[in-house]
Amino acid sequence: SIIRNSAENLLVIINDILDFAKLESGKMEFEHIPFNIHSTITNLLPPLQLKAKEKGLLLLDDLADIHHSYLKGDPYRLTQVLINLLNN
């Protein structure tokens, strides 16, 4: 599961690189789809928690308040932003 999530997160990073070209050309488009925010965050945390542990940090996942929360937006862009923030 962690390997699968890490691979998906790597794909997000590769997409980040491709997005720079889209931004420069003005062709960036955002999804507007329903997604489960709890699942989105839960899936990206395990590999980031391992990285945090290697650095002697603790990355907590207190998601109790958003267990059944659905949003409409772009879960892929949200994942990109969260991965970039948490990696920094």
PDB file of N, CA and C in Angstrom:
ATOM      1  N   SER A   1       0.823  -1.202   0.000  1.00  0.00           N
ATOM      2  CA  SER A   1       0.000   0.000   0.000  1.00  0.00           C
ATOM      3  C   SER A   1       0.863   1.261   0.000  1.00  0.00           C
ATOM      4  N   ILE A   2       1.900   1.251   0.834  1.00  0.00           N
ATOM      5  CA  ILE A   2       2.786   2.421   0.900  1.00  0.00           C
ATOM      6  C   ILE A   2       3.540   2.588  -0.414  1.00  0.00           C
ATOM      7  N   ILE A   3       3.960   1.458  -1.007  1.00  0.00           N
ATOM      8  CA  ILE A   3       4.668   1.529  -2.292  1.00  0.00           C
ATOM      9  C   ILE A   3       3.749   2.080  -3.371  1.00  0.00           C
ATOM     10  N   ARG A   4       2.492   1.616  -3.394  1.00  0.00           N
ATOM     11  CA  ARG A   4       1.530   2.106  -4.380  1.00  0.00           C
ATOM     12  C   ARG A   4       1.313   3.607  -4.200  1.00  0.00           C
ATOM     13  N   ASN A   5       1.135   4.034  -2.954  1.00  0.00           N
ATOM     14  CA  ASN A   5       0.920   5.456  -2.682  1.00  0.00           C
ATOM     15  C   ASN A   5       2.149   6.278  -3.047  1.00  0.00           C
ATOM     16  N   SER A   6       3.327   5.728  -2.786  1.00  0.00           N
ATOM     17  CA  SER A   6       4.559   6.432  -3.159  1.00  0.00           C
ATOM     18  C   SER A   6       4.661   6.587  -4.670  1.00  0.00           C
ATOM     19  N   ALA A   7       4.287   5.538  -5.391  1.00  0.00           N
ATOM     20  CA  ALA A   7       4.310   5.609  -6.855  1.00  0.00           C
ATOM     21  C   ALA A   7       3.321   6.651  -7.364  1.00  0.00           C
ATOM     22  N   GLU A   8       2.153   6.695  -6.749  1.00  0.00           N
ATOM     23  CA  GLU A   8       1.162   7.693  -7.152  1.00  0.00           C
ATOM     24  C   GLU A   8       1.664   9.097  -6.839  1.00  0.00           C
ATOM     25  N   ASN A   9       2.325   9.257  -5.703  1.00  0.00           N
ATOM     26  CA  ASN A   9       2.880  10.566  -5.353  1.00  0.00           C
ATOM     27  C   ASN A   9       3.999  10.961  -6.305  1.00  0.00           C
ATOM     28  N   LEU A  10       4.781   9.989  -6.758  1.00  0.00           N
ATOM     29  CA  LEU A  10       5.822  10.266  -7.752  1.00  0.00           C
ATOM     30  C   LEU A  10       5.193  10.742  -9.051  1.00  0.00           C
ATOM     31  N   LEU A  11       4.093  10.131  -9.420  1.00  0.00           N
ATOM     32  CA  LEU A  11       3.379  10.554 -10.618  1.00  0.00           C
ATOM     33  C   LEU A  11       2.896  11.999 -10.474  1.00  0.00           C
ATOM     34  N   VAL A  12       2.466  12.363  -9.297  1.00  0.00           N
ATOM     35  CA  VAL A  12       2.037  13.744  -9.046  1.00  0.00           C
ATOM     36  C   VAL A  12       3.205  14.698  -9.251  1.00  0.00           C
ATOM     37  N   ILE A  13       4.385  14.316  -8.784  1.00  0.00           N
ATOM     38  CA  ILE A  13       5.562  15.174  -8.943  1.00  0.00           C
ATOM     39  C   ILE A  13       5.920  15.318 -10.417  1.00  0.00           C
ATOM     40  N   ILE A  14       5.846  14.222 -11.160  1.00  0.00           N
ATOM     41  CA  ILE A  14       6.111  14.287 -12.604  1.00  0.00           C
ATOM     42  C   ILE A  14       5.094  15.206 -13.269  1.00  0.00           C
ATOM     43  N   ASN A  15       3.850  15.103 -12.853  1.00  0.00           N
ATOM     44  CA  ASN A  15       2.823  15.984 -13.398  1.00  0.00           C
ATOM     45  C   ASN A  15       3.088  17.438 -13.045  1.00  0.00           C
ATOM     46  N   ASP A  16       3.686  17.691 -11.878  1.00  0.00           N
ATOM     47  CA  ASP A  16       4.079  19.055 -11.501  1.00  0.00           C
ATOM     48  C   ASP A  16       4.980  19.652 -12.567  1.00  0.00           C
ATOM     49  N   ILE A  17       5.943  18.866 -12.989  1.00  0.00           N
ATOM     50  CA  ILE A  17       6.901  19.331 -13.987  1.00  0.00           C
ATOM     51  C   ILE A  17       6.189  19.651 -15.301  1.00  0.00           C
ATOM     52  N   LEU A  18       5.286  18.773 -15.692  1.00  0.00           N
ATOM     53  CA  LEU A  18       4.540  19.008 -16.929  1.00  0.00           C
ATOM     54  C   LEU A  18       3.615  20.220 -16.809  1.00  0.00           C
ATOM     55  N   ASP A  19       3.116  20.457 -15.610  1.00  0.00           N
ATOM     56  CA  ASP A  19       2.215  21.592 -15.399  1.00  0.00           C
ATOM     57  C   ASP A  19       2.889  22.939 -15.608  1.00  0.00           C
ATOM     58  N   PHE A  20       4.204  23.018 -15.381  1.00  0.00           N
ATOM     59  CA  PHE A  20       4.896  24.285 -15.612  1.00  0.00           C
ATOM     60  C   PHE A  20       4.728  24.733 -17.059  1.00  0.00           C
ATOM     61  N   ALA A  21       4.815  23.793 -17.984  1.00  0.00           N
ATOM     62  CA  ALA A  21       4.628  24.130 -19.396  1.00  0.00           C
ATOM     63  C   ALA A  21       3.203  24.598 -19.653  1.00  0.00           C
ATOM     64  N   LYS A  22       2.240  23.947 -19.015  1.00  0.00           N
ATOM     65  CA  LYS A  22       0.839  24.354 -19.175  1.00  0.00           C
ATOM     66  C   LYS A  22       0.611  25.749 -18.616  1.00  0.00           C
ATOM     67  N   LEU A  23       1.217  26.038 -17.464  1.00  0.00           N
ATOM     68  CA  LEU A  23       1.064  27.364 -16.865  1.00  0.00           C
ATOM     69  C   LEU A  23       1.623  28.442 -17.781  1.00  0.00           C
ATOM     70  N   GLU A  24       2.801  28.180 -18.325  1.00  0.00           N
ATOM     71  CA  GLU A  24       3.439  29.161 -19.198  1.00  0.00           C
ATOM     72  C   GLU A  24       2.644  29.406 -20.470  1.00  0.00           C
ATOM     73  N   SER A  25       1.963  28.373 -20.966  1.00  0.00           N
ATOM     74  CA  SER A  25       1.199  28.530 -22.204  1.00  0.00           C
ATOM     75  C   SER A  25      -0.246  28.964 -21.953  1.00  0.00           C
ATOM     76  N   GLY A  26      -0.630  29.075 -20.677  1.00  0.00           N
ATOM     77  CA  GLY A  26      -1.992  29.489 -20.348  1.00  0.00           C
ATOM     78  C   GLY A  26      -3.031  28.400 -20.568  1.00  0.00           C
ATOM     79  N   LYS A  27      -2.605  27.149 -20.581  1.00  0.00           N
ATOM     80  CA  LYS A  27      -3.521  26.046 -20.847  1.00  0.00           C
ATOM     81  C   LYS A  27      -3.814  25.187 -19.615  1.00  0.00           C
ATOM     82  N   MET A  28      -3.556  25.721 -18.431  1.00  0.00           N
ATOM     83  CA  MET A  28      -3.811  24.972 -17.198  1.00  0.00           C
ATOM     84  C   MET A  28      -5.312  24.891 -16.964  1.00  0.00           C
ATOM     85  N   GLU A  29      -5.800  23.685 -16.775  1.00  0.00           N
ATOM     86  CA  GLU A  29      -7.214  23.470 -16.489  1.00  0.00           C
ATOM     87  C   GLU A  29      -7.342  22.720 -15.170  1.00  0.00           C
ATOM     88  N   PHE A  30      -8.355  23.056 -14.404  1.00  0.00           N
ATOM     89  CA  PHE A  30      -8.602  22.409 -13.125  1.00  0.00           C
ATOM     90  C   PHE A  30      -9.848  21.547 -13.223  1.00  0.00           C
ATOM     91  N   GLU A  31      -9.798  20.401 -12.549  1.00  0.00           N
ATOM     92  CA  GLU A  31     -10.963  19.523 -12.476  1.00  0.00           C
ATOM     93  C   GLU A  31     -12.004  20.164 -11.569  1.00  0.00           C
ATOM     94  N   HIS A  32     -13.221  19.810 -11.764  1.00  0.00           N
ATOM     95  CA  HIS A  32     -14.315  20.242 -10.886  1.00  0.00           C
ATOM     96  C   HIS A  32     -15.191  19.011 -10.657  1.00  0.00           C
ATOM     97  N   ILE A  33     -14.625  18.070  -9.871  1.00  0.00           N
ATOM     98  CA  ILE A  33     -15.285  16.786  -9.656  1.00  0.00           C
ATOM     99  C   ILE A  33     -15.459  16.536  -8.161  1.00  0.00           C
ATOM    100  N   PRO A  34     -16.460  15.761  -7.781  1.00  0.00           N
ATOM    101  CA  PRO A  34     -16.610  15.417  -6.368  1.00  0.00           C
ATOM    102  C   PRO A  34     -15.523  14.425  -5.951  1.00  0.00           C
ATOM    103  N   PHE A  35     -14.969  14.628  -4.757  1.00  0.00           N
ATOM    104  CA  PHE A  35     -13.985  13.703  -4.218  1.00  0.00           C
ATOM    105  C   PHE A  35     -14.046  13.720  -2.698  1.00  0.00           C
ATOM    106  N   ASN A  36     -13.581  12.640  -2.110  1.00  0.00           N
ATOM    107  CA  ASN A  36     -13.580  12.495  -0.661  1.00  0.00           C
ATOM    108  C   ASN A  36     -12.269  13.048  -0.118  1.00  0.00           C
ATOM    109  N   ILE A  37     -12.341  14.136   0.608  1.00  0.00           N
ATOM    110  CA  ILE A  37     -11.141  14.790   1.129  1.00  0.00           C
ATOM    111  C   ILE A  37     -10.412  13.888   2.119  1.00  0.00           C
ATOM    112  N   HIS A  38     -11.157  13.130   2.906  1.00  0.00           N
ATOM    113  CA  HIS A  38     -10.538  12.226   3.878  1.00  0.00           C
ATOM    114  C   HIS A  38      -9.685  11.175   3.169  1.00  0.00           C
ATOM    115  N   SER A  39     -10.242  10.546   2.137  1.00  0.00           N
ATOM    116  CA  SER A  39      -9.494   9.532   1.385  1.00  0.00           C
ATOM    117  C   SER A  39      -8.286  10.137   0.685  1.00  0.00           C
ATOM    118  N   THR A  40      -8.447  11.305   0.129  1.00  0.00           N
ATOM    119  CA  THR A  40      -7.350  11.963  -0.573  1.00  0.00           C
ATOM    120  C   THR A  40      -6.167  12.189   0.361  1.00  0.00           C
ATOM    121  N   ILE A  41      -6.447  12.726   1.543  1.00  0.00           N
ATOM    122  CA  ILE A  41      -5.369  13.007   2.502  1.00  0.00           C
ATOM    123  C   ILE A  41      -4.813  11.718   3.090  1.00  0.00           C
ATOM    124  N   THR A  42      -5.695  10.777   3.416  1.00  0.00           N
ATOM    125  CA  THR A  42      -5.260   9.509   3.996  1.00  0.00           C
ATOM    126  C   THR A  42      -4.330   8.753   3.059  1.00  0.00           C
ATOM    127  N   ASN A  43      -4.585   8.798   1.762  1.00  0.00           N
ATOM    128  CA  ASN A  43      -3.755   8.084   0.797  1.00  0.00           C
ATOM    129  C   ASN A  43      -2.382   8.711   0.597  1.00  0.00           C
ATOM    130  N   LEU A  44      -2.256  10.013   0.774  1.00  0.00           N
ATOM    131  CA  LEU A  44      -0.958  10.632   0.534  1.00  0.00           C
ATOM    132  C   LEU A  44      -0.067  10.675   1.770  1.00  0.00           C
ATOM    133  N   LEU A  45      -0.636  10.452   2.958  1.00  0.00           N
ATOM    134  CA  LEU A  45       0.147  10.595   4.180  1.00  0.00           C
ATOM    135  C   LEU A  45       1.189   9.507   4.456  1.00  0.00           C
ATOM    136  N   PRO A  46       0.923   8.214   4.281  1.00  0.00           N
ATOM    137  CA  PRO A  46       1.906   7.204   4.715  1.00  0.00           C
ATOM    138  C   PRO A  46       3.328   7.397   4.188  1.00  0.00           C
ATOM    139  N   PRO A  47       3.537   7.634   2.891  1.00  0.00           N
ATOM    140  CA  PRO A  47       4.928   7.839   2.462  1.00  0.00           C
ATOM    141  C   PRO A  47       5.541   9.116   3.034  1.00  0.00           C
ATOM    142  N   LEU A  48       4.704  10.138   3.223  1.00  0.00           N
ATOM    143  CA  LEU A  48       5.218  11.387   3.803  1.00  0.00           C
ATOM    144  C   LEU A  48       5.542  11.203   5.277  1.00  0.00           C
ATOM    145  N   GLN A  49       4.768  10.361   5.963  1.00  0.00           N
ATOM    146  CA  GLN A  49       5.057  10.072   7.368  1.00  0.00           C
ATOM    147  C   GLN A  49       6.373   9.318   7.511  1.00  0.00           C
ATOM    148  N   LEU A  50       6.656   8.414   6.568  1.00  0.00           N
ATOM    149  CA  LEU A  50       7.945   7.712   6.593  1.00  0.00           C
ATOM    150  C   LEU A  50       9.099   8.676   6.399  1.00  0.00           C
ATOM    151  N   LYS A  51       8.944   9.601   5.464  1.00  0.00           N
ATOM    152  CA  LYS A  51       9.993  10.596   5.224  1.00  0.00           C
ATOM    153  C   LYS A  51      10.188  11.479   6.456  1.00  0.00           C
ATOM    154  N   ALA A  52       9.087  11.845   7.094  1.00  0.00           N
ATOM    155  CA  ALA A  52       9.172  12.669   8.302  1.00  0.00           C
ATOM    156  C   ALA A  52       9.897  11.907   9.417  1.00  0.00           C
ATOM    157  N   LYS A  53       9.568  10.634   9.563  1.00  0.00           N
ATOM    158  CA  LYS A  53      10.209   9.804  10.592  1.00  0.00           C
ATOM    159  C   LYS A  53      11.711   9.705  10.366  1.00  0.00           C
ATOM    160  N   GLU A  54      12.137   9.584   9.106  1.00  0.00           N
ATOM    161  CA  GLU A  54      13.563   9.534   8.787  1.00  0.00           C
ATOM    162  C   GLU A  54      14.279  10.816   9.198  1.00  0.00           C
ATOM    163  N   LYS A  55      13.544  11.913   9.225  1.00  0.00           N
ATOM    164  CA  LYS A  55      14.120  13.201   9.614  1.00  0.00           C
ATOM    165  C   LYS A  55      13.937  13.482  11.102  1.00  0.00           C
ATOM    166  N   GLY A  56      13.371  12.504  11.827  1.00  0.00           N
ATOM    167  CA  GLY A  56      13.152  12.683  13.257  1.00  0.00           C
ATOM    168  C   GLY A  56      11.928  13.513  13.575  1.00  0.00           C
ATOM    169  N   LEU A  57      11.009  13.602  12.618  1.00  0.00           N
ATOM    170  CA  LEU A  57       9.789  14.386  12.795  1.00  0.00           C
ATOM    171  C   LEU A  57       8.588  13.459  12.904  1.00  0.00           C
ATOM    172  N   LEU A  58       7.509  13.981  13.428  1.00  0.00           N
ATOM    173  CA  LEU A  58       6.272  13.227  13.541  1.00  0.00           C
ATOM    174  C   LEU A  58       5.195  13.965  12.757  1.00  0.00           C
ATOM    175  N   LEU A  59       4.628  13.308  11.767  1.00  0.00           N
ATOM    176  CA  LEU A  59       3.547  13.878  10.959  1.00  0.00           C
ATOM    177  C   LEU A  59       2.248  13.218  11.396  1.00  0.00           C
ATOM    178  N   LEU A  60       1.418  13.969  12.075  1.00  0.00           N
ATOM    179  CA  LEU A  60       0.169  13.438  12.620  1.00  0.00           C
ATOM    180  C   LEU A  60      -0.934  13.489  11.580  1.00  0.00           C
ATOM    181  N   ASP A  61      -1.905  12.620  11.755  1.00  0.00           N
ATOM    182  CA  ASP A  61      -3.024  12.563  10.805  1.00  0.00           C
ATOM    183  C   ASP A  61      -4.359  12.582  11.540  1.00  0.00           C
ATOM    184  N   ASP A  62      -4.650  13.658  12.189  1.00  0.00           N
ATOM    185  CA  ASP A  62      -5.907  13.810  12.921  1.00  0.00           C
ATOM    186  C   ASP A  62      -6.991  14.249  11.936  1.00  0.00           C
ATOM    187  N   LEU A  63      -7.638  13.270  11.323  1.00  0.00           N
ATOM    188  CA  LEU A  63      -8.632  13.543  10.288  1.00  0.00           C
ATOM    189  C   LEU A  63     -10.049  13.212  10.746  1.00  0.00           C
ATOM    190  N   ALA A  64     -10.247  13.082  12.029  1.00  0.00           N
ATOM    191  CA  ALA A  64     -11.545  12.647  12.555  1.00  0.00           C
ATOM    192  C   ALA A  64     -12.689  13.559  12.117  1.00  0.00           C
ATOM    193  N   ASP A  65     -12.446  14.841  12.029  1.00  0.00           N
ATOM    194  CA  ASP A  65     -13.512  15.789  11.706  1.00  0.00           C
ATOM    195  C   ASP A  65     -13.912  15.795  10.235  1.00  0.00           C
ATOM    196  N   ILE A  66     -13.103  15.188   9.383  1.00  0.00           N
ATOM    197  CA  ILE A  66     -13.422  15.218   7.958  1.00  0.00           C
ATOM    198  C   ILE A  66     -13.638  13.820   7.395  1.00  0.00           C
ATOM    199  N   HIS A  67     -14.085  12.909   8.227  1.00  0.00           N
ATOM    200  CA  HIS A  67     -14.211  11.517   7.821  1.00  0.00           C
ATOM    201  C   HIS A  67     -15.139  11.308   6.624  1.00  0.00           C
ATOM    202  N   HIS A  68     -16.240  11.992   6.564  1.00  0.00           N
ATOM    203  CA  HIS A  68     -17.198  11.781   5.476  1.00  0.00           C
ATOM    204  C   HIS A  68     -17.400  13.041   4.647  1.00  0.00           C
ATOM    205  N   SER A  69     -16.377  13.820   4.506  1.00  0.00           N
ATOM    206  CA  SER A  69     -16.509  15.088   3.798  1.00  0.00           C
ATOM    207  C   SER A  69     -16.179  14.945   2.322  1.00  0.00           C
ATOM    208  N   TYR A  70     -17.125  15.295   1.500  1.00  0.00           N
ATOM    209  CA  TYR A  70     -16.911  15.318   0.054  1.00  0.00           C
ATOM    210  C   TYR A  70     -16.834  16.771  -0.389  1.00  0.00           C
ATOM    211  N   LEU A  71     -15.936  17.021  -1.297  1.00  0.00           N
ATOM    212  CA  LEU A  71     -15.771  18.350  -1.868  1.00  0.00           C
ATOM    213  C   LEU A  71     -15.878  18.242  -3.377  1.00  0.00           C
ATOM    214  N   LYS A  72     -16.074  19.364  -4.009  1.00  0.00           N
ATOM    215  CA  LYS A  72     -16.030  19.430  -5.457  1.00  0.00           C
ATOM    216  C   LYS A  72     -14.833  20.289  -5.824  1.00  0.00           C
ATOM    217  N   GLY A  73     -13.950  19.730  -6.610  1.00  0.00           N
ATOM    218  CA  GLY A  73     -12.752  20.458  -6.983  1.00  0.00           C
ATOM    219  C   GLY A  73     -11.781  19.551  -7.694  1.00  0.00           C
ATOM    220  N   ASP A  74     -10.502  19.816  -7.506  1.00  0.00           N
ATOM    221  CA  ASP A  74      -9.453  19.083  -8.198  1.00  0.00           C
ATOM    222  C   ASP A  74      -8.587  18.335  -7.186  1.00  0.00           C
ATOM    223  N   PRO A  75      -8.898  17.058  -6.936  1.00  0.00           N
ATOM    224  CA  PRO A  75      -8.138  16.307  -5.937  1.00  0.00           C
ATOM    225  C   PRO A  75      -6.669  16.134  -6.326  1.00  0.00           C
ATOM    226  N   TYR A  76      -6.373  16.129  -7.615  1.00  0.00           N
ATOM    227  CA  TYR A  76      -4.995  15.957  -8.070  1.00  0.00           C
ATOM    228  C   TYR A  76      -4.159  17.190  -7.759  1.00  0.00           C
ATOM    229  N   ARG A  77      -4.718  18.360  -8.000  1.00  0.00           N
ATOM    230  CA  ARG A  77      -3.997  19.605  -7.675  1.00  0.00           C
ATOM    231  C   ARG A  77      -3.861  19.763  -6.169  1.00  0.00           C
ATOM    232  N   LEU A  78      -4.894  19.386  -5.427  1.00  0.00           N
ATOM    233  CA  LEU A  78      -4.812  19.451  -3.971  1.00  0.00           C
ATOM    234  C   LEU A  78      -3.691  18.542  -3.478  1.00  0.00           C
ATOM    235  N   THR A  79      -3.604  17.346  -4.041  1.00  0.00           N
ATOM    236  CA  THR A  79      -2.537  16.419  -3.670  1.00  0.00           C
ATOM    237  C   THR A  79      -1.173  17.022  -3.983  1.00  0.00           C
ATOM    238  N   GLN A  80      -1.034  17.657  -5.131  1.00  0.00           N
ATOM    239  CA  GLN A  80       0.230  18.303  -5.495  1.00  0.00           C
ATOM    240  C   GLN A  80       0.616  19.345  -4.455  1.00  0.00           C
ATOM    241  N   VAL A  81      -0.330  20.185  -4.096  1.00  0.00           N
ATOM    242  CA  VAL A  81      -0.057  21.256  -3.149  1.00  0.00           C
ATOM    243  C   VAL A  81       0.343  20.687  -1.791  1.00  0.00           C
ATOM    244  N   LEU A  82      -0.417  19.707  -1.307  1.00  0.00           N
ATOM    245  CA  LEU A  82      -0.126  19.120   0.001  1.00  0.00           C
ATOM    246  C   LEU A  82       1.217  18.411   0.018  1.00  0.00           C
ATOM    247  N   ILE A  83       1.543  17.680  -1.029  1.00  0.00           N
ATOM    248  CA  ILE A  83       2.844  17.003  -1.090  1.00  0.00           C
ATOM    249  C   ILE A  83       3.967  18.028  -1.091  1.00  0.00           C
ATOM    250  N   ASN A  84       3.823  19.081  -1.868  1.00  0.00           N
ATOM    251  CA  ASN A  84       4.867  20.111  -1.907  1.00  0.00           C
ATOM    252  C   ASN A  84       5.016  20.794  -0.553  1.00  0.00           C
ATOM    253  N   LEU A  85       3.921  21.107   0.105  1.00  0.00           N
ATOM    254  CA  LEU A  85       3.986  21.758   1.419  1.00  0.00           C
ATOM    255  C   LEU A  85       4.615  20.839   2.456  1.00  0.00           C
ATOM    256  N   LEU A  86       4.174  19.599   2.484  1.00  0.00           N
ATOM    257  CA  LEU A  86       4.671  18.678   3.511  1.00  0.00           C
ATOM    258  C   LEU A  86       6.105  18.243   3.250  1.00  0.00           C
ATOM    259  N   ASN A  87       6.519  18.206   2.001  1.00  0.00           N
ATOM    260  CA  ASN A  87       7.920  17.878   1.710  1.00  0.00           C
ATOM    261  C   ASN A  87       8.856  19.001   2.120  1.00  0.00           C
ATOM    262  N   ASN A  88       8.346  20.217   2.126  1.00  0.00           N
ATOM    263  CA  ASN A  88       9.172  21.360   2.517  1.00  0.00           C
ATOM    264  C   ASN A  88       9.147  21.538   4.007  1.00  0.00           C
TER     265      ASN A  88
END
